[in-house]
Protein backbone atom coordinates (compact mmCIF):
# COMPACT_ATOMS: atom_id res chain seq x y z
CA UNK A 1 68.22 91.80 -32.16
CA UNK A 2 70.96 92.95 -34.54
CA UNK A 3 73.04 95.87 -33.54
CA UNK A 4 74.44 98.35 -35.99
CA UNK A 5 78.17 98.95 -36.24
CA UNK A 6 77.75 102.50 -35.00
CA UNK A 7 75.77 101.32 -32.00
CA UNK A 8 78.49 98.74 -31.16
CA UNK A 9 81.23 101.53 -31.50
CA UNK A 10 79.29 103.75 -28.98
CA UNK A 11 78.58 100.81 -26.61
CA UNK A 12 82.11 99.18 -26.58
CA UNK A 13 84.28 102.28 -26.87
CA UNK A 14 87.94 101.20 -27.00
CA UNK A 15 86.94 97.46 -27.12
CA UNK A 16 85.39 98.08 -30.55
CA UNK A 17 88.83 97.37 -32.07
CA UNK A 18 88.44 93.69 -30.98
CA UNK A 19 85.03 93.42 -32.61
CA UNK A 20 85.80 95.34 -35.82
CA UNK A 21 87.49 92.44 -37.69
CA UNK A 22 84.40 90.35 -37.05
CA UNK A 23 82.34 92.37 -39.55
CA UNK A 24 82.15 91.13 -43.07
CA UNK A 25 84.43 92.83 -45.37
CA UNK A 26 87.27 92.34 -42.88
CA UNK A 27 86.15 88.95 -41.76
CA UNK A 28 86.26 87.52 -45.29
CA UNK A 29 89.95 88.52 -45.64
CA UNK A 30 90.96 86.59 -42.47
CA UNK A 31 92.80 83.32 -42.70
CA UNK A 32 91.61 80.28 -40.68
CA UNK A 33 94.34 80.82 -38.09
CA UNK A 34 93.54 84.51 -37.69
CA UNK A 35 89.86 83.81 -37.40
CA UNK A 36 90.54 81.15 -34.76
CA UNK A 37 92.66 83.56 -32.77
CA UNK A 38 89.92 86.28 -33.05
CA UNK A 39 87.43 83.66 -31.91
CA UNK A 40 89.40 82.89 -28.83
CA UNK A 41 89.80 86.59 -27.87
CA UNK A 42 86.09 87.23 -28.40
CA UNK A 43 85.08 84.15 -26.41
CA UNK A 44 87.28 85.24 -23.44
CA UNK A 45 85.81 88.76 -23.43
CA UNK A 46 82.25 87.36 -23.65
CA UNK A 47 82.88 84.93 -20.80
CA UNK A 48 84.50 87.63 -18.68
CA UNK A 49 81.47 90.00 -19.16
CA UNK A 50 78.98 87.05 -18.56
CA UNK A 51 80.77 86.29 -15.28
CA UNK A 52 80.59 89.98 -14.16
CA UNK A 53 76.84 90.20 -15.02
CA UNK A 54 76.28 87.02 -13.00
CA UNK A 55 78.23 88.30 -10.06
CA UNK A 56 76.34 91.62 -10.20
CA UNK A 57 73.00 89.88 -10.16
CA UNK A 58 74.05 87.69 -7.15
CA UNK A 59 75.29 90.87 -5.34
CA UNK A 60 72.01 92.63 -5.90
CA UNK A 61 70.15 89.65 -4.48
CA UNK A 62 72.51 89.61 -1.45
CA UNK A 63 74.02 86.24 -2.26
CA UNK A 64 77.34 87.24 -3.70
CA UNK A 65 80.13 89.52 -2.40
CA UNK A 66 79.19 93.05 -2.41
CA UNK A 67 81.41 95.28 -4.53
CA UNK A 68 81.75 99.06 -4.18
CA UNK A 69 81.19 99.67 -8.00
CA UNK A 70 79.03 96.82 -9.19
CA UNK A 71 78.68 98.43 -12.63
CA UNK A 72 75.58 99.06 -14.70
CA UNK A 73 74.10 95.72 -15.45
CA UNK A 74 72.09 96.56 -18.69
CA UNK A 75 75.16 98.15 -20.28
CA UNK A 76 77.36 95.17 -19.45
CA UNK A 77 74.63 92.85 -20.77
CA UNK A 78 74.58 94.68 -24.08
CA UNK A 79 78.32 94.56 -24.30
CA UNK A 80 78.24 90.84 -23.69
CA UNK A 81 75.65 90.55 -26.44
CA UNK A 82 77.83 92.50 -28.91
CA UNK A 83 80.76 90.18 -28.10
CA UNK A 84 78.43 87.17 -28.50
CA UNK A 85 77.23 88.37 -31.89
CA UNK A 86 80.76 88.94 -33.07
CA UNK A 87 81.79 85.45 -31.93
CA UNK A 88 78.77 84.07 -33.78
CA UNK A 89 79.91 85.67 -37.01
CA UNK A 90 83.44 84.47 -36.58
CA UNK A 91 82.33 80.84 -35.77
CA UNK A 92 80.22 80.84 -38.92
CA UNK A 93 83.18 81.99 -40.95
CA UNK A 94 85.34 79.32 -39.33
CA UNK A 95 82.68 76.71 -40.27
CA UNK A 96 82.83 77.84 -43.86
CA UNK A 97 86.60 77.69 -43.99
CA UNK A 98 86.80 74.31 -42.30
CA UNK A 99 84.01 73.02 -44.50
CA UNK A 100 85.93 73.92 -47.65
CA UNK A 101 89.03 72.16 -46.38
CA UNK A 102 86.96 69.11 -45.27
CA UNK A 103 85.28 68.81 -48.64
CA UNK A 104 88.68 69.12 -50.47
CA UNK A 105 90.11 66.37 -48.19
CA UNK A 106 87.11 64.04 -48.79
CA UNK A 107 87.13 64.66 -52.54
CA UNK A 108 90.87 63.77 -52.64
CA UNK A 109 90.45 60.66 -50.53
CA UNK A 110 87.64 59.45 -52.91
CA UNK A 111 89.89 60.09 -55.95
CA UNK A 112 92.73 58.07 -54.30
CA UNK A 113 90.36 55.26 -53.48
CA UNK A 114 89.04 55.18 -57.08
CA UNK A 115 92.69 55.10 -58.42
CA UNK A 116 93.53 52.18 -56.07
CA UNK A 117 90.42 50.28 -57.25
CA UNK A 118 91.22 50.81 -60.92
CA UNK A 119 94.92 49.85 -60.41
CA UNK A 120 94.01 46.60 -58.55
CA UNK A 121 93.73 43.41 -60.61
CA UNK A 122 90.19 42.08 -60.79
CA UNK A 123 89.70 39.06 -58.46
CA UNK A 124 87.75 36.35 -60.24
CA UNK A 125 87.70 33.15 -58.16
CA UNK A 126 87.45 29.65 -59.89
CA UNK A 127 84.02 28.34 -60.49
CA UNK A 128 84.67 25.02 -58.81
CA UNK A 129 82.91 21.82 -59.74
CA UNK A 130 80.34 21.99 -62.49
CA UNK A 131 77.65 19.56 -63.81
CA UNK A 132 78.97 19.42 -67.35
CA UNK A 133 80.40 15.95 -66.88
CA UNK A 134 77.48 14.52 -64.95
CA UNK A 135 77.31 13.65 -61.32
CA UNK A 136 80.31 12.61 -59.30
CA UNK A 137 80.25 9.71 -56.97
CA UNK A 138 80.83 10.71 -53.41
CA UNK A 139 83.15 8.39 -51.66
CA UNK A 140 81.41 6.44 -48.87
CA UNK A 141 82.56 7.15 -45.40
CA UNK A 142 81.43 3.69 -44.16
CA UNK A 143 83.97 1.21 -43.12
CA UNK A 144 84.32 -1.68 -45.67
CA UNK A 145 84.59 -5.17 -44.28
CA UNK A 146 86.11 -7.59 -46.78
CA UNK A 147 84.64 -11.07 -46.43
CA UNK A 148 86.47 -14.09 -47.91
CA UNK A 149 84.64 -15.47 -50.90
CA UNK A 150 85.19 -19.05 -49.62
CA UNK A 151 83.21 -18.13 -46.43
CA UNK A 152 80.29 -16.89 -48.65
CA UNK A 153 80.20 -20.20 -50.45
CA UNK A 154 80.42 -22.22 -47.27
CA UNK A 155 77.45 -20.49 -45.71
CA UNK A 156 75.35 -20.86 -48.89
CA UNK A 157 76.17 -24.62 -48.91
CA UNK A 158 75.31 -24.92 -45.30
CA UNK A 159 71.91 -23.30 -45.92
CA UNK A 160 71.17 -25.62 -48.83
CA UNK A 161 72.13 -28.75 -46.83
CA UNK A 162 69.90 -27.62 -43.92
CA UNK A 163 66.94 -27.02 -46.32
CA UNK A 164 67.40 -30.46 -47.97
CA UNK A 165 67.34 -32.15 -44.64
CA UNK A 166 64.02 -30.60 -43.79
CA UNK A 167 62.57 -31.47 -47.13
CA UNK A 168 63.02 -35.22 -46.70
C-alpha cells in the first residue's frame, strides 16, 4: 500500500529528513554516488527497525529478553515499511543510472570492436591444390626392391629349359 508524503511525515517525524530525498523531484537530481549513499542509510534504518520489530515479537511470545519499553509494534512496522518503500525508490533510480552507464559502455565496446575489424587486413588463405592440371600421382609408400635384370633372364631361361625337358 502506497503511503502519501504527508502520512510519512507524520509517521516518521524527525526521520522524514532521511526519506525526503527519495521522493521523485529530489531523487532525479541525485547523482549515482549520492543515491548510493542514501540507499545505504535507508537500508541501515530499515534493518534496524526490522530487528526491533522482530525482538519485540519474540519478547511478547516470551522467547526474547523482556524490555521495559518494548515500543508499539504496529507503528514501528509502518515506519519500517516507509523506509523500505523509500529504499525501493532509490534502488530503482540506481538501476536506471547504472543501466545508462552500462549501455554506454557496451555501445562504446561494440564501436571499438567494429573499428578493429575494419582496420584488420582480410585473411584469405591459399586455395591449395586444385584439379585444373588433372590428377596428381601420389608417391607410393611401399618399399621398392630392385631386381637385377640378369636375374630375371636367368629365371626365365630356367623355366623354358624345364618345360622343354618335360615336353620330350
